[in-house]
C-alpha atoms as a PDB file:
ATOM      1  CA  UNK A   1      -0.309  -0.189  -5.966  1.00  0.00           C
ATOM      2  CA  UNK A   2      -2.586   1.568  -3.470  1.00  0.00           C
ATOM      3  CA  UNK A   3       0.136   3.996  -2.373  1.00  0.00           C
ATOM      4  CA  UNK A   4       0.301   5.401  -5.919  1.00  0.00           C
ATOM      5  CA  UNK A   5      -3.458   6.037  -5.895  1.00  0.00           C
ATOM      6  CA  UNK A   6      -3.722   7.486  -2.379  1.00  0.00           C
ATOM      7  CA  UNK A   7      -0.475   9.364  -1.826  1.00  0.00           C
ATOM      8  CA  UNK A   8       0.038  12.617  -3.671  1.00  0.00           C
ATOM      9  CA  UNK A   9       3.517  12.929  -5.128  1.00  0.00           C
ATOM     10  CA  UNK A  10       4.429   9.237  -4.808  1.00  0.00           C
ATOM     11  CA  UNK A  11       6.492   8.820  -7.975  1.00  0.00           C
ATOM     12  CA  UNK A  12       7.903   5.758  -9.666  1.00  0.00           C
ATOM     13  CA  UNK A  13      10.377   4.939 -12.401  1.00  0.00           C
ATOM     14  CA  UNK A  14       7.455   3.084 -13.967  1.00  0.00           C
ATOM     15  CA  UNK A  15       5.681   6.030 -15.632  1.00  0.00           C
ATOM     16  CA  UNK A  16       2.453   4.035 -15.964  1.00  0.00           C
ATOM     17  CA  UNK A  17       2.058   4.401 -12.180  1.00  0.00           C
ATOM     18  CA  UNK A  18       2.571   8.162 -11.988  1.00  0.00           C
ATOM     19  CA  UNK A  19      -0.948   9.140 -13.101  1.00  0.00           C
ATOM     20  CA  UNK A  20      -2.658   6.866 -10.602  1.00  0.00           C
ATOM     21  CA  UNK A  21      -3.102   9.565  -7.933  1.00  0.00           C
ATOM     22  CA  UNK A  22      -4.683  12.103 -10.284  1.00  0.00           C
ATOM     23  CA  UNK A  23      -6.904   9.421 -11.887  1.00  0.00           C
ATOM     24  CA  UNK A  24      -8.026   8.122  -8.494  1.00  0.00           C
ATOM     25  CA  UNK A  25      -8.531  11.645  -7.201  1.00  0.00           C
ATOM     26  CA  UNK A  26     -10.688  12.605 -10.206  1.00  0.00           C
ATOM     27  CA  UNK A  27     -12.748   9.447  -9.764  1.00  0.00           C
ATOM     28  CA  UNK A  28     -13.135  10.023  -6.032  1.00  0.00           C
ATOM     29  CA  UNK A  29     -13.900  13.746  -6.139  1.00  0.00           C
ATOM     30  CA  UNK A  30     -16.030  13.909  -9.278  1.00  0.00           C
ATOM     31  CA  UNK A  31     -17.508  10.588 -10.324  1.00  0.00           C
ATOM     32  CA  UNK A  32     -18.441   9.060  -6.970  1.00  0.00           C
ATOM     33  CA  UNK A  33     -20.567  11.966  -5.732  1.00  0.00           C
ATOM     34  CA  UNK A  34     -22.308  12.245  -9.109  1.00  0.00           C
ATOM     35  CA  UNK A  35     -22.990   8.506  -9.221  1.00  0.00           C
ATOM     36  CA  UNK A  36     -24.498   8.611  -5.716  1.00  0.00           C
ATOM     37  CA  UNK A  37     -26.767  11.470  -6.784  1.00  0.00           C
ATOM     38  CA  UNK A  38     -27.931   9.551  -9.850  1.00  0.00           C
ATOM     39  CA  UNK A  39     -28.246   6.072  -8.376  1.00  0.00           C
ATOM     40  CA  UNK A  40     -29.983   7.020  -5.138  1.00  0.00           C
ATOM     41  CA  UNK A  41     -31.680  10.170  -6.445  1.00  0.00           C
ATOM     42  CA  UNK A  42     -30.603  12.247  -3.473  1.00  0.00           C
ATOM     43  CA  UNK A  43     -29.276  15.726  -3.052  1.00  0.00           C
ATOM     44  CA  UNK A  44     -25.722  15.552  -1.753  1.00  0.00           C
ATOM     45  CA  UNK A  45     -25.087  18.340   0.736  1.00  0.00           C
ATOM     46  CA  UNK A  46     -21.340  18.898   1.282  1.00  0.00           C
ATOM     47  CA  UNK A  47     -22.100  20.168   4.775  1.00  0.00           C
ATOM     48  CA  UNK A  48     -23.241  16.673   5.692  1.00  0.00           C
ATOM     49  CA  UNK A  49     -20.614  14.570   3.908  1.00  0.00           C
ATOM     50  CA  UNK A  50     -18.040  12.746   5.993  1.00  0.00           C
ATOM     51  CA  UNK A  51     -14.828  11.276   4.651  1.00  0.00           C
ATOM     52  CA  UNK A  52     -13.498   8.151   6.362  1.00  0.00           C
ATOM     53  CA  UNK A  53     -10.192   6.519   5.607  1.00  0.00           C
ATOM     54  CA  UNK A  54      -7.576   4.486   7.383  1.00  0.00           C
ATOM     55  CA  UNK A  55      -3.937   3.750   6.666  1.00  0.00           C
ATOM     56  CA  UNK A  56      -3.143   5.149   3.192  1.00  0.00           C
ATOM     57  CA  UNK A  57      -6.809   6.177   2.977  1.00  0.00           C
ATOM     58  CA  UNK A  58      -6.403   8.188   6.188  1.00  0.00           C
ATOM     59  CA  UNK A  59      -3.454  10.022   4.674  1.00  0.00           C
ATOM     60  CA  UNK A  60      -5.506  10.605   1.524  1.00  0.00           C
ATOM     61  CA  UNK A  61      -8.281  12.138   3.628  1.00  0.00           C
ATOM     62  CA  UNK A  62      -5.896  14.470   5.436  1.00  0.00           C
ATOM     63  CA  UNK A  63      -4.560  15.646   2.076  1.00  0.00           C
ATOM     64  CA  UNK A  64      -8.151  16.510   1.070  1.00  0.00           C
ATOM     65  CA  UNK A  65      -8.723  18.266   4.384  1.00  0.00           C
ATOM     66  CA  UNK A  66      -5.578  20.362   3.866  1.00  0.00           C
ATOM     67  CA  UNK A  67      -6.564  21.267   0.304  1.00  0.00           C
ATOM     68  CA  UNK A  68      -9.886  22.563   1.723  1.00  0.00           C
ATOM     69  CA  UNK A  69     -12.050  21.677  -1.248  1.00  0.00           C
ATOM     70  CA  UNK A  70     -15.821  21.763  -0.822  1.00  0.00           C
ATOM     71  CA  UNK A  71     -16.468  18.042  -1.001  1.00  0.00           C
ATOM     72  CA  UNK A  72     -16.502  16.946   2.648  1.00  0.00           C
ATOM     73  CA  UNK A  73     -17.204  18.780   5.877  1.00  0.00           C
ATOM     74  CA  UNK A  74     -15.930  16.100   8.242  1.00  0.00           C
ATOM     75  CA  UNK A  75     -12.842  13.907   8.049  1.00  0.00           C
ATOM     76  CA  UNK A  76     -12.288  10.799  10.144  1.00  0.00           C
ATOM     77  CA  UNK A  77      -8.750   9.650   9.410  1.00  0.00           C
ATOM     78  CA  UNK A  78      -7.311   6.701  11.297  1.00  0.00           C
ATOM     79  CA  UNK A  79      -3.695   5.554  11.309  1.00  0.00           C
ATOM     80  CA  UNK A  80      -2.854   7.931   8.441  1.00  0.00           C
ATOM     81  CA  UNK A  81       0.098   6.824   6.352  1.00  0.00           C
ATOM     82  CA  UNK A  82       1.658   8.447   3.337  1.00  0.00           C
ATOM     83  CA  UNK A  83       3.583  11.526   2.421  1.00  0.00           C
ATOM     84  CA  UNK A  84       1.359  14.269   3.846  1.00  0.00           C
ATOM     85  CA  UNK A  85       2.509  17.798   3.011  1.00  0.00           C
ATOM     86  CA  UNK A  86       1.155  20.066   5.756  1.00  0.00           C
ATOM     87  CA  UNK A  87       0.550  23.422   4.104  1.00  0.00           C
ATOM     88  CA  UNK A  88      -0.251  26.761   5.718  1.00  0.00           C
ATOM     89  CA  UNK A  89      -3.782  26.835   7.097  1.00  0.00           C
ATOM     90  CA  UNK A  90      -6.413  28.653   5.112  1.00  0.00           C
ATOM     91  CA  UNK A  91      -8.311  30.601   7.776  1.00  0.00           C
ATOM     92  CA  UNK A  92     -11.568  29.688   6.017  1.00  0.00           C
ATOM     93  CA  UNK A  93     -10.946  25.984   6.690  1.00  0.00           C
ATOM     94  CA  UNK A  94     -13.595  25.232   9.298  1.00  0.00           C
ATOM     95  CA  UNK A  95     -13.905  21.565   8.473  1.00  0.00           C
ATOM     96  CA  UNK A  96     -13.697  18.974  11.235  1.00  0.00           C
ATOM     97  CA  UNK A  97     -10.688  16.641  11.296  1.00  0.00           C
ATOM     98  CA  UNK A  98     -10.407  13.652  13.616  1.00  0.00           C
ATOM     99  CA  UNK A  99      -7.145  11.682  13.643  1.00  0.00           C
ATOM    100  CA  UNK A 100      -6.817   8.511  15.707  1.00  0.00           C
ATOM    101  CA  UNK A 101      -4.380   5.635  15.818  1.00  0.00           C
ATOM    102  CA  UNK A 102      -3.968   2.410  17.762  1.00  0.00           C
ATOM    103  CA  UNK A 103      -1.675   2.438  20.779  1.00  0.00           C
ATOM    104  CA  UNK A 104      -0.419  -1.016  19.775  1.00  0.00           C
ATOM    105  CA  UNK A 105       0.748   0.000  16.292  1.00  0.00           C
ATOM    106  CA  UNK A 106       4.394  -0.204  15.263  1.00  0.00           C
ATOM    107  CA  UNK A 107       6.450   2.545  16.913  1.00  0.00           C
ATOM    108  CA  UNK A 108       7.632   3.786  13.513  1.00  0.00           C
ATOM    109  CA  UNK A 109       4.000   4.515  12.581  1.00  0.00           C
ATOM    110  CA  UNK A 110       3.311   6.184  15.940  1.00  0.00           C
ATOM    111  CA  UNK A 111       6.358   8.436  15.440  1.00  0.00           C
ATOM    112  CA  UNK A 112       4.912   9.520  12.068  1.00  0.00           C
ATOM    113  CA  UNK A 113       1.489  10.236  13.617  1.00  0.00           C
ATOM    114  CA  UNK A 114       3.092  12.316  16.362  1.00  0.00           C
ATOM    115  CA  UNK A 115       5.114  14.275  13.777  1.00  0.00           C
ATOM    116  CA  UNK A 116       1.922  14.915  11.798  1.00  0.00           C
ATOM    117  CA  UNK A 117       0.260  16.139  15.003  1.00  0.00           C
ATOM    118  CA  UNK A 118       3.114  18.601  15.615  1.00  0.00           C
ATOM    119  CA  UNK A 119       3.155  19.781  11.986  1.00  0.00           C
ATOM    120  CA  UNK A 120      -0.602  20.455  12.013  1.00  0.00           C
ATOM    121  CA  UNK A 121      -0.321  22.381  15.293  1.00  0.00           C
ATOM    122  CA  UNK A 122       2.569  24.485  13.924  1.00  0.00           C
ATOM    123  CA  UNK A 123       0.342  25.510  10.989  1.00  0.00           C
ATOM    124  CA  UNK A 124      -2.544  26.395  13.388  1.00  0.00           C
ATOM    125  CA  UNK A 125      -4.992  23.686  12.321  1.00  0.00           C
ATOM    126  CA  UNK A 126      -7.843  22.803  14.629  1.00  0.00           C
ATOM    127  CA  UNK A 127      -8.356  19.050  14.911  1.00  0.00           C
ATOM    128  CA  UNK A 128      -8.785  16.134  17.293  1.00  0.00           C
ATOM    129  CA  UNK A 129      -5.851  13.786  17.799  1.00  0.00           C
ATOM    130  CA  UNK A 130      -6.119  10.692  19.989  1.00  0.00           C
ATOM    131  CA  UNK A 131      -5.061   7.096  20.294  1.00  0.00           C
ATOM    132  CA  UNK A 132      -7.304   4.122  20.981  1.00  0.00           C
ATOM    133  CA  UNK A 133      -6.740   0.719  22.513  1.00  0.00           C
ATOM    134  CA  UNK A 134      -5.724  -1.517  19.617  1.00  0.00           C
ATOM    135  CA  UNK A 135      -3.603  -1.893  16.543  1.00  0.00           C
ATOM    136  CA  UNK A 136      -3.529  -1.276  12.814  1.00  0.00           C
ATOM    137  CA  UNK A 137      -6.218  -3.825  11.950  1.00  0.00           C
ATOM    138  CA  UNK A 138      -9.730  -3.799  10.493  1.00  0.00           C
ATOM    139  CA  UNK A 139     -11.526  -4.925  13.634  1.00  0.00           C
ATOM    140  CA  UNK A 140     -10.100  -2.124  15.787  1.00  0.00           C
ATOM    141  CA  UNK A 141     -10.527   0.497  13.085  1.00  0.00           C
ATOM    142  CA  UNK A 142     -14.134  -0.512  12.388  1.00  0.00           C
ATOM    143  CA  UNK A 143     -15.012  -0.368  16.087  1.00  0.00           C
ATOM    144  CA  UNK A 144     -13.416   3.089  16.490  1.00  0.00           C
ATOM    145  CA  UNK A 145     -15.114   4.365  13.324  1.00  0.00           C
ATOM    146  CA  UNK A 146     -18.514   3.307  14.660  1.00  0.00           C
ATOM    147  CA  UNK A 147     -17.847   5.209  17.901  1.00  0.00           C
ATOM    148  CA  UNK A 148     -16.729   8.351  16.048  1.00  0.00           C
ATOM    149  CA  UNK A 149     -19.597   8.433  13.543  1.00  0.00           C
ATOM    150  CA  UNK A 150     -22.136   8.023  16.366  1.00  0.00           C
ATOM    151  CA  UNK A 151     -20.474  10.860  18.285  1.00  0.00           C
ATOM    152  CA  UNK A 152     -20.143  13.064  15.187  1.00  0.00           C
ATOM    153  CA  UNK A 153     -23.800  12.780  14.195  1.00  0.00           C
ATOM    154  CA  UNK A 154     -25.072  12.472  17.766  1.00  0.00           C
ATOM    155  CA  UNK A 155     -26.776   9.154  17.003  1.00  0.00           C
ATOM    156  CA  UNK A 156     -28.393   7.411  19.944  1.00  0.00           C
END
């Protein structure tokens, strides 16, 4: 039932599924950060937090980026699936968004990524959009994530 948890507005005739997005979102945006603060006794600086998600999780991340809440500064979203509603850009949104997908993914997915790219450009968002050599699988996504996080934080 992941799509009900990650995709805003994904409704079902089964009403027990319709609260999954808001419940997951509350858990993700409120409880996780607080639990990290408590468990690891660290100060969580939103300017240093990076969201990473792929597939439905990538779509979930883009939704957060578009809503421009002060939880994450950077978003790495690979192969983003879901029903992403591209809203008008808030000029104050200076967060970094990186979208990548595998060049060997199903053409129907690639068409959706390209449409998302066009929709974001039409609404004047600033973001990176690229493909990588590979498909919609964990090994490729993990490798690309490692490259992006090293580049993002300038790790040597």
